[in-house]
């Protein structure tokens, strides 16, 4: 009887192990399906990828800095022109 009980537990353990393995496989398949569906939806909504967003953000920061620099140069040139106009009059 002890051996049959042990065999029963071994069979039960094997069954549970196989079930866990199958469940893990199903989970992986579900993860892949959900991920592909989410990606499809995001593409349909034309959502920007993070790396594209970060690249655009960096480019805009550089352009803003250039604009600030050009604005300062224009202000300095305007002051210089005003100064020269005063000395000519």
PDB file of N, CA and C in Angstrom:
ATOM      1  N   UNK A   1       0.817  -1.189   0.000  1.00  0.00           N
ATOM      2  CA  UNK A   1       0.000   0.000   0.000  1.00  0.00           C
ATOM      3  C   UNK A   1       0.866   1.261   0.000  1.00  0.00           C
ATOM      4  N   UNK A   2       1.979   1.225   0.691  1.00  0.00           N
ATOM      5  CA  UNK A   2       2.863   2.372   0.724  1.00  0.00           C
ATOM      6  C   UNK A   2       3.410   2.652  -0.665  1.00  0.00           C
ATOM      7  N   UNK A   3       3.755   1.566  -1.353  1.00  0.00           N
ATOM      8  CA  UNK A   3       4.284   1.746  -2.701  1.00  0.00           C
ATOM      9  C   UNK A   3       3.216   2.283  -3.641  1.00  0.00           C
ATOM     10  N   UNK A   4       2.003   1.826  -3.543  1.00  0.00           N
ATOM     11  CA  UNK A   4       0.947   2.314  -4.418  1.00  0.00           C
ATOM     12  C   UNK A   4       0.631   3.781  -4.099  1.00  0.00           C
ATOM     13  N   UNK A   5       0.705   4.146  -2.829  1.00  0.00           N
ATOM     14  CA  UNK A   5       0.515   5.547  -2.443  1.00  0.00           C
ATOM     15  C   UNK A   5       1.639   6.396  -2.981  1.00  0.00           C
ATOM     16  N   UNK A   6       2.859   5.872  -2.919  1.00  0.00           N
ATOM     17  CA  UNK A   6       4.015   6.597  -3.431  1.00  0.00           C
ATOM     18  C   UNK A   6       3.904   6.755  -4.943  1.00  0.00           C
ATOM     19  N   UNK A   7       3.443   5.670  -5.604  1.00  0.00           N
ATOM     20  CA  UNK A   7       3.279   5.727  -7.052  1.00  0.00           C
ATOM     21  C   UNK A   7       2.192   6.750  -7.412  1.00  0.00           C
ATOM     22  N   UNK A   8       1.150   6.786  -6.620  1.00  0.00           N
ATOM     23  CA  UNK A   8       0.070   7.748  -6.835  1.00  0.00           C
ATOM     24  C   UNK A   8       0.595   9.175  -6.719  1.00  0.00           C
ATOM     25  N   UNK A   9       1.394   9.414  -5.686  1.00  0.00           N
ATOM     26  CA  UNK A   9       1.965  10.755  -5.514  1.00  0.00           C
ATOM     27  C   UNK A   9       2.927  11.091  -6.646  1.00  0.00           C
ATOM     28  N   UNK A  10       3.702  10.113  -7.096  1.00  0.00           N
ATOM     29  CA  UNK A  10       4.610  10.341  -8.226  1.00  0.00           C
ATOM     30  C   UNK A  10       3.817  10.688  -9.482  1.00  0.00           C
ATOM     31  N   UNK A  11       2.733   9.937  -9.721  1.00  0.00           N
ATOM     32  CA  UNK A  11       1.900  10.221 -10.886  1.00  0.00           C
ATOM     33  C   UNK A  11       1.245  11.599 -10.774  1.00  0.00           C
ATOM     34  N   UNK A  12       0.792  11.912  -9.574  1.00  0.00           N
ATOM     35  CA  UNK A  12       0.178  13.215  -9.344  1.00  0.00           C
ATOM     36  C   UNK A  12       1.200  14.344  -9.544  1.00  0.00           C
ATOM     37  N   UNK A  13       2.399  14.141  -9.034  1.00  0.00           N
ATOM     38  CA  UNK A  13       3.457  15.140  -9.195  1.00  0.00           C
ATOM     39  C   UNK A  13       3.811  15.309 -10.668  1.00  0.00           C
ATOM     40  N   UNK A  14       3.868  14.211 -11.397  1.00  0.00           N
ATOM     41  CA  UNK A  14       4.171  14.284 -12.830  1.00  0.00           C
ATOM     42  C   UNK A  14       3.055  15.010 -13.577  1.00  0.00           C
ATOM     43  N   UNK A  15       1.825  14.723 -13.219  1.00  0.00           N
ATOM     44  CA  UNK A  15       0.675  15.374 -13.838  1.00  0.00           C
ATOM     45  C   UNK A  15       0.702  16.887 -13.579  1.00  0.00           C
ATOM     46  N   UNK A  16       0.975  17.251 -12.329  1.00  0.00           N
ATOM     47  CA  UNK A  16       1.051  18.677 -11.981  1.00  0.00           C
ATOM     48  C   UNK A  16       2.204  19.357 -12.709  1.00  0.00           C
ATOM     49  N   UNK A  17       3.313  18.663 -12.827  1.00  0.00           N
ATOM     50  CA  UNK A  17       4.465  19.212 -13.529  1.00  0.00           C
ATOM     51  C   UNK A  17       4.136  19.442 -15.000  1.00  0.00           C
ATOM     52  N   UNK A  18       3.480  18.461 -15.620  1.00  0.00           N
ATOM     53  CA  UNK A  18       3.095  18.609 -17.025  1.00  0.00           C
ATOM     54  C   UNK A  18       2.088  19.744 -17.202  1.00  0.00           C
ATOM     55  N   UNK A  19       1.157  19.850 -16.264  1.00  0.00           N
ATOM     56  CA  UNK A  19       0.156  20.909 -16.322  1.00  0.00           C
ATOM     57  C   UNK A  19       0.814  22.283 -16.188  1.00  0.00           C
ATOM     58  N   UNK A  20       1.776  22.371 -15.263  1.00  0.00           N
ATOM     59  CA  UNK A  20       2.488  23.640 -15.077  1.00  0.00           C
ATOM     60  C   UNK A  20       3.260  23.999 -16.335  1.00  0.00           C
ATOM     61  N   UNK A  21       3.879  23.015 -16.966  1.00  0.00           N
ATOM     62  CA  UNK A  21       4.613  23.262 -18.202  1.00  0.00           C
ATOM     63  C   UNK A  21       3.685  23.734 -19.308  1.00  0.00           C
ATOM     64  N   UNK A  22       2.534  23.085 -19.420  1.00  0.00           N
ATOM     65  CA  UNK A  22       1.561  23.485 -20.436  1.00  0.00           C
ATOM     66  C   UNK A  22       1.036  24.890 -20.155  1.00  0.00           C
ATOM     67  N   UNK A  23       0.775  25.179 -18.892  1.00  0.00           N
ATOM     68  CA  UNK A  23       0.279  26.506 -18.514  1.00  0.00           C
ATOM     69  C   UNK A  23       1.323  27.572 -18.846  1.00  0.00           C
ATOM     70  N   UNK A  24       2.591  27.249 -18.620  1.00  0.00           N
ATOM     71  CA  UNK A  24       3.660  28.193 -18.936  1.00  0.00           C
ATOM     72  C   UNK A  24       3.708  28.450 -20.438  1.00  0.00           C
ATOM     73  N   UNK A  25       3.554  27.397 -21.220  1.00  0.00           N
ATOM     74  CA  UNK A  25       3.541  27.555 -22.675  1.00  0.00           C
ATOM     75  C   UNK A  25       2.371  28.397 -23.144  1.00  0.00           C
ATOM     76  N   UNK A  26       1.207  28.159 -22.563  1.00  0.00           N
ATOM     77  CA  UNK A  26       0.019  28.932 -22.909  1.00  0.00           C
ATOM     78  C   UNK A  26       0.218  30.388 -22.529  1.00  0.00           C
ATOM     79  N   UNK A  27       0.812  30.641 -21.362  1.00  0.00           N
ATOM     80  CA  UNK A  27       1.065  32.021 -20.925  1.00  0.00           C
ATOM     81  C   UNK A  27       1.982  32.734 -21.918  1.00  0.00           C
ATOM     82  N   UNK A  28       3.022  32.040 -22.374  1.00  0.00           N
ATOM     83  CA  UNK A  28       3.939  32.653 -23.335  1.00  0.00           C
ATOM     84  C   UNK A  28       3.218  32.985 -24.635  1.00  0.00           C
ATOM     85  N   UNK A  29       2.366  32.071 -25.084  1.00  0.00           N
ATOM     86  CA  UNK A  29       1.613  32.320 -26.311  1.00  0.00           C
ATOM     87  C   UNK A  29       0.672  33.505 -26.141  1.00  0.00           C
ATOM     88  N   UNK A  30       0.021  33.582 -25.012  1.00  0.00           N
ATOM     89  CA  UNK A  30      -0.890  34.704 -24.742  1.00  0.00           C
ATOM     90  C   UNK A  30      -0.111  36.010 -24.697  1.00  0.00           C
ATOM     91  N   UNK A  31       1.052  35.995 -24.060  1.00  0.00           N
ATOM     92  CA  UNK A  31       1.889  37.204 -24.003  1.00  0.00           C
ATOM     93  C   UNK A  31       2.248  37.685 -25.407  1.00  0.00           C
ATOM     94  N   UNK A  32       2.626  36.755 -26.276  1.00  0.00           N
ATOM     95  CA  UNK A  32       3.002  37.119 -27.645  1.00  0.00           C
ATOM     96  C   UNK A  32       1.797  37.701 -28.384  1.00  0.00           C
ATOM     97  N   UNK A  33       0.641  37.075 -28.237  1.00  0.00           N
ATOM     98  CA  UNK A  33      -0.570  37.541 -28.920  1.00  0.00           C
ATOM     99  C   UNK A  33      -0.962  38.933 -28.422  1.00  0.00           C
ATOM    100  N   UNK A  34      -0.956  39.123 -27.110  1.00  0.00           N
ATOM    101  CA  UNK A  34      -1.331  40.422 -26.539  1.00  0.00           C
ATOM    102  C   UNK A  34      -0.346  41.497 -26.994  1.00  0.00           C
ATOM    103  N   UNK A  35       0.940  41.180 -26.964  1.00  0.00           N
ATOM    104  CA  UNK A  35       1.946  42.156 -27.373  1.00  0.00           C
ATOM    105  C   UNK A  35       1.752  42.542 -28.838  1.00  0.00           C
ATOM    106  N   UNK A  36       1.516  41.579 -29.693  1.00  0.00           N
ATOM    107  CA  UNK A  36       1.344  41.900 -31.115  1.00  0.00           C
ATOM    108  C   UNK A  36       0.074  42.725 -31.336  1.00  0.00           C
ATOM    109  N   UNK A  37      -0.978  42.431 -30.584  1.00  0.00           N
ATOM    110  CA  UNK A  37      -2.220  43.208 -30.721  1.00  0.00           C
ATOM    111  C   UNK A  37      -2.031  44.648 -30.230  1.00  0.00           C
ATOM    112  N   UNK A  38      -1.321  44.812 -29.125  1.00  0.00           N
ATOM    113  CA  UNK A  38      -1.060  46.163 -28.601  1.00  0.00           C
ATOM    114  C   UNK A  38      -0.208  46.946 -29.598  1.00  0.00           C
ATOM    115  N   UNK A  39       0.818  46.299 -30.153  1.00  0.00           N
ATOM    116  CA  UNK A  39       1.652  46.976 -31.138  1.00  0.00           C
ATOM    117  C   UNK A  39       0.836  47.369 -32.363  1.00  0.00           C
ATOM    118  N   UNK A  40      -0.069  46.500 -32.800  1.00  0.00           N
ATOM    119  CA  UNK A  40      -0.922  46.802 -33.945  1.00  0.00           C
ATOM    120  C   UNK A  40      -1.806  48.015 -33.645  1.00  0.00           C
ATOM    121  N   UNK A  41      -2.396  48.031 -32.449  1.00  0.00           N
ATOM    122  CA  UNK A  41      -3.246  49.165 -32.064  1.00  0.00           C
ATOM    123  C   UNK A  41      -2.455  50.468 -32.006  1.00  0.00           C
ATOM    124  N   UNK A  42      -1.267  50.403 -31.429  1.00  0.00           N
ATOM    125  CA  UNK A  42      -0.439  51.608 -31.342  1.00  0.00           C
ATOM    126  C   UNK A  42      -0.056  52.100 -32.733  1.00  0.00           C
ATOM    127  N   UNK A  43       0.249  51.177 -33.625  1.00  0.00           N
ATOM    128  CA  UNK A  43       0.568  51.575 -35.004  1.00  0.00           C
ATOM    129  C   UNK A  43      -0.649  52.175 -35.688  1.00  0.00           C
ATOM    130  N   UNK A  44      -1.833  51.620 -35.427  1.00  0.00           N
ATOM    131  CA  UNK A  44      -3.059  52.174 -36.008  1.00  0.00           C
ATOM    132  C   UNK A  44      -3.314  53.594 -35.518  1.00  0.00           C
ATOM    133  N   UNK A  45      -2.986  53.859 -34.264  1.00  0.00           N
ATOM    134  CA  UNK A  45      -3.158  55.195 -33.697  1.00  0.00           C
ATOM    135  C   UNK A  45      -1.985  56.110 -34.015  1.00  0.00           C
ATOM    136  N   UNK A  46      -0.983  55.583 -34.707  1.00  0.00           N
ATOM    137  CA  UNK A  46       0.219  56.323 -35.093  1.00  0.00           C
ATOM    138  C   UNK A  46       0.937  56.900 -33.877  1.00  0.00           C
ATOM    139  N   UNK A  47       1.041  56.112 -32.834  1.00  0.00           N
ATOM    140  CA  UNK A  47       1.766  56.520 -31.630  1.00  0.00           C
ATOM    141  C   UNK A  47       3.262  56.437 -31.922  1.00  0.00           C
ATOM    142  N   UNK A  48       3.987  57.447 -31.494  1.00  0.00           N
ATOM    143  CA  UNK A  48       5.417  57.534 -31.753  1.00  0.00           C
ATOM    144  C   UNK A  48       6.170  56.598 -30.804  1.00  0.00           C
ATOM    145  N   UNK A  49       7.162  55.910 -31.344  1.00  0.00           N
ATOM    146  CA  UNK A  49       8.018  55.057 -30.514  1.00  0.00           C
ATOM    147  C   UNK A  49       8.867  55.931 -29.594  1.00  0.00           C
ATOM    148  N   UNK A  50       9.238  55.398 -28.465  1.00  0.00           N
ATOM    149  CA  UNK A  50       9.986  56.167 -27.456  1.00  0.00           C
ATOM    150  C   UNK A  50      11.314  56.677 -28.010  1.00  0.00           C
ATOM    151  N   UNK A  51      12.051  55.833 -28.729  1.00  0.00           N
ATOM    152  CA  UNK A  51      13.351  56.260 -29.245  1.00  0.00           C
ATOM    153  C   UNK A  51      13.194  57.380 -30.280  1.00  0.00           C
ATOM    154  N   UNK A  52      12.129  57.337 -31.077  1.00  0.00           N
ATOM    155  CA  UNK A  52      11.863  58.417 -32.026  1.00  0.00           C
ATOM    156  C   UNK A  52      11.519  59.705 -31.288  1.00  0.00           C
ATOM    157  N   UNK A  53      10.728  59.588 -30.225  1.00  0.00           N
ATOM    158  CA  UNK A  53      10.360  60.755 -29.424  1.00  0.00           C
ATOM    159  C   UNK A  53      11.602  61.386 -28.800  1.00  0.00           C
ATOM    160  N   UNK A  54      12.465  60.553 -28.211  1.00  0.00           N
ATOM    161  CA  UNK A  54      13.677  61.073 -27.569  1.00  0.00           C
ATOM    162  C   UNK A  54      14.591  61.756 -28.576  1.00  0.00           C
ATOM    163  N   UNK A  55      14.709  61.175 -29.783  1.00  0.00           N
ATOM    164  CA  UNK A  55      15.552  61.784 -30.818  1.00  0.00           C
ATOM    165  C   UNK A  55      14.993  63.147 -31.220  1.00  0.00           C
ATOM    166  N   UNK A  56      13.693  63.219 -31.403  1.00  0.00           N
ATOM    167  CA  UNK A  56      13.058  64.483 -31.786  1.00  0.00           C
ATOM    168  C   UNK A  56      13.200  65.517 -30.667  1.00  0.00           C
ATOM    169  N   UNK A  57      13.062  65.077 -29.429  1.00  0.00           N
ATOM    170  CA  UNK A  57      13.201  65.976 -28.287  1.00  0.00           C
ATOM    171  C   UNK A  57      14.599  66.590 -28.249  1.00  0.00           C
ATOM    172  N   UNK A  58      15.624  65.751 -28.445  1.00  0.00           N
ATOM    173  CA  UNK A  58      17.008  66.251 -28.441  1.00  0.00           C
ATOM    174  C   UNK A  58      17.230  67.244 -29.583  1.00  0.00           C
ATOM    175  N   UNK A  59      16.689  66.938 -30.748  1.00  0.00           N
ATOM    176  CA  UNK A  59      16.834  67.826 -31.889  1.00  0.00           C
ATOM    177  C   UNK A  59      16.174  69.180 -31.608  1.00  0.00           C
ATOM    178  N   UNK A  60      14.986  69.157 -31.011  1.00  0.00           N
ATOM    179  CA  UNK A  60      14.285  70.399 -30.697  1.00  0.00           C
ATOM    180  C   UNK A  60      15.024  71.218 -29.641  1.00  0.00           C
ATOM    181  N   UNK A  61      15.620  70.551 -28.685  1.00  0.00           N
ATOM    182  CA  UNK A  61      16.399  71.262 -27.657  1.00  0.00           C
ATOM    183  C   UNK A  61      17.579  71.974 -28.312  1.00  0.00           C
ATOM    184  N   UNK A  62      18.284  71.272 -29.223  1.00  0.00           N
ATOM    185  CA  UNK A  62      19.417  71.902 -29.922  1.00  0.00           C
ATOM    186  C   UNK A  62      18.951  73.092 -30.754  1.00  0.00           C
ATOM    187  N   UNK A  63      17.827  72.951 -31.436  1.00  0.00           N
ATOM    188  CA  UNK A  63      17.307  74.038 -32.263  1.00  0.00           C
ATOM    189  C   UNK A  63      16.881  75.228 -31.412  1.00  0.00           C
ATOM    190  N   UNK A  64      16.289  74.962 -30.256  1.00  0.00           N
ATOM    191  CA  UNK A  64      15.898  76.053 -29.363  1.00  0.00           C
ATOM    192  C   UNK A  64      17.133  76.804 -28.874  1.00  0.00           C
ATOM    193  N   UNK A  65      18.192  76.057 -28.548  1.00  0.00           N
ATOM    194  CA  UNK A  65      19.435  76.701 -28.114  1.00  0.00           C
ATOM    195  C   UNK A  65      20.024  77.576 -29.225  1.00  0.00           C
ATOM    196  N   UNK A  66      19.974  77.076 -30.469  1.00  0.00           N
ATOM    197  CA  UNK A  66      20.465  77.874 -31.596  1.00  0.00           C
ATOM    198  C   UNK A  66      19.623  79.138 -31.765  1.00  0.00           C
ATOM    199  N   UNK A  67      18.315  79.008 -31.633  1.00  0.00           N
ATOM    200  CA  UNK A  67      17.434  80.176 -31.749  1.00  0.00           C
ATOM    201  C   UNK A  67      17.739  81.204 -30.671  1.00  0.00           C
ATOM    202  N   UNK A  68      17.961  80.725 -29.453  1.00  0.00           N
ATOM    203  CA  UNK A  68      18.312  81.647 -28.360  1.00  0.00           C
ATOM    204  C   UNK A  68      19.606  82.388 -28.677  1.00  0.00           C
ATOM    205  N   UNK A  69      20.576  81.661 -29.205  1.00  0.00           N
ATOM    206  CA  UNK A  69      21.860  82.271 -29.546  1.00  0.00           C
ATOM    207  C   UNK A  69      21.686  83.307 -30.663  1.00  0.00           C
ATOM    208  N   UNK A  70      20.909  82.958 -31.670  1.00  0.00           N
ATOM    209  CA  UNK A  70      20.664  83.902 -32.764  1.00  0.00           C
ATOM    210  C   UNK A  70      19.900  85.129 -32.289  1.00  0.00           C
ATOM    211  N   UNK A  71      18.970  84.940 -31.381  1.00  0.00           N
ATOM    212  CA  UNK A  71      18.221  86.075 -30.833  1.00  0.00           C
ATOM    213  C   UNK A  71      19.151  87.038 -30.104  1.00  0.00           C
ATOM    214  N   UNK A  72      20.100  86.487 -29.353  1.00  0.00           N
ATOM    215  CA  UNK A  72      21.069  87.349 -28.664  1.00  0.00           C
ATOM    216  C   UNK A  72      21.913  88.123 -29.662  1.00  0.00           C
ATOM    217  N   UNK A  73      22.347  87.447 -30.730  1.00  0.00           N
ATOM    218  CA  UNK A  73      23.159  88.126 -31.743  1.00  0.00           C
ATOM    219  C   UNK A  73      22.364  89.238 -32.421  1.00  0.00           C
ATOM    220  N   UNK A  74      21.107  88.978 -32.716  1.00  0.00           N
ATOM    221  CA  UNK A  74      20.261  90.001 -33.340  1.00  0.00           C
ATOM    222  C   UNK A  74      20.093  91.190 -32.403  1.00  0.00           C
ATOM    223  N   UNK A  75      19.843  90.931 -31.132  1.00  0.00           N
ATOM    224  CA  UNK A  75      19.705  92.022 -30.152  1.00  0.00           C
ATOM    225  C   UNK A  75      20.986  92.843 -30.073  1.00  0.00           C
ATOM    226  N   UNK A  76      22.138  92.182 -30.064  1.00  0.00           N
ATOM    227  CA  UNK A  76      23.417  92.896 -30.018  1.00  0.00           C
ATOM    228  C   UNK A  76      23.626  93.738 -31.268  1.00  0.00           C
ATOM    229  N   UNK A  77      23.267  93.169 -32.433  1.00  0.00           N
ATOM    230  CA  UNK A  77      23.407  93.930 -33.670  1.00  0.00           C
ATOM    231  C   UNK A  77      22.470  95.133 -33.691  1.00  0.00           C
ATOM    232  N   UNK A  78      21.250  94.974 -33.202  1.00  0.00           N
ATOM    233  CA  UNK A  78      20.301  96.091 -33.139  1.00  0.00           C
ATOM    234  C   UNK A  78      20.837  97.191 -32.232  1.00  0.00           C
ATOM    235  N   UNK A  79      21.402  96.804 -31.101  1.00  0.00           N
ATOM    236  CA  UNK A  79      21.991  97.801 -30.194  1.00  0.00           C
ATOM    237  C   UNK A  79      23.145  98.526 -30.867  1.00  0.00           C
ATOM    238  N   UNK A  80      23.962  97.765 -31.588  1.00  0.00           N
ATOM    239  CA  UNK A  80      25.103  98.364 -32.285  1.00  0.00           C
ATOM    240  C   UNK A  80      24.634  99.351 -33.363  1.00  0.00           C
ATOM    241  N   UNK A  81      23.603  98.974 -34.094  1.00  0.00           N
ATOM    242  CA  UNK A  81      23.060  99.861 -35.134  1.00  0.00           C
ATOM    243  C   UNK A  81      22.499 101.132 -34.498  1.00  0.00           C
ATOM    244  N   UNK A  82      21.767 101.008 -33.421  1.00  0.00           N
ATOM    245  CA  UNK A  82      21.208 102.180 -32.737  1.00  0.00           C
ATOM    246  C   UNK A  82      22.335 103.096 -32.251  1.00  0.00           C
ATOM    247  N   UNK A  83      23.379 102.476 -31.726  1.00  0.00           N
ATOM    248  CA  UNK A  83      24.512 103.231 -31.206  1.00  0.00           C
ATOM    249  C   UNK A  83      25.193 103.999 -32.349  1.00  0.00           C
ATOM    250  N   UNK A  84      25.364 103.329 -33.487  1.00  0.00           N
ATOM    251  CA  UNK A  84      26.010 103.979 -34.631  1.00  0.00           C
ATOM    252  C   UNK A  84      25.119 105.089 -35.195  1.00  0.00           C
ATOM    253  N   UNK A  85      23.818 104.881 -35.204  1.00  0.00           N
ATOM    254  CA  UNK A  85      22.896 105.915 -35.691  1.00  0.00           C
ATOM    255  C   UNK A  85      22.961 107.153 -34.796  1.00  0.00           C
ATOM    256  N   UNK A  86      23.113 106.959 -33.504  1.00  0.00           N
ATOM    257  CA  UNK A  86      23.211 108.104 -32.578  1.00  0.00           C
ATOM    258  C   UNK A  86      24.486 108.882 -32.818  1.00  0.00           C
ATOM    259  N   UNK A  87      25.573 108.207 -33.103  1.00  0.00           N
ATOM    260  CA  UNK A  87      26.838 108.896 -33.302  1.00  0.00           C
ATOM    261  C   UNK A  87      26.883 109.617 -34.653  1.00  0.00           C
ATOM    262  N   UNK A  88      26.132 109.130 -35.634  1.00  0.00           N
ATOM    263  CA  UNK A  88      26.101 109.764 -36.954  1.00  0.00           C
ATOM    264  C   UNK A  88      25.284 111.057 -36.896  1.00  0.00           C
ATOM    265  N   UNK A  89      24.236 111.099 -36.135  1.00  0.00           N
ATOM    266  CA  UNK A  89      23.350 112.279 -36.048  1.00  0.00           C
ATOM    267  C   UNK A  89      24.016 113.363 -35.309  1.00  0.00           C
TER     268      UNK A  89
END
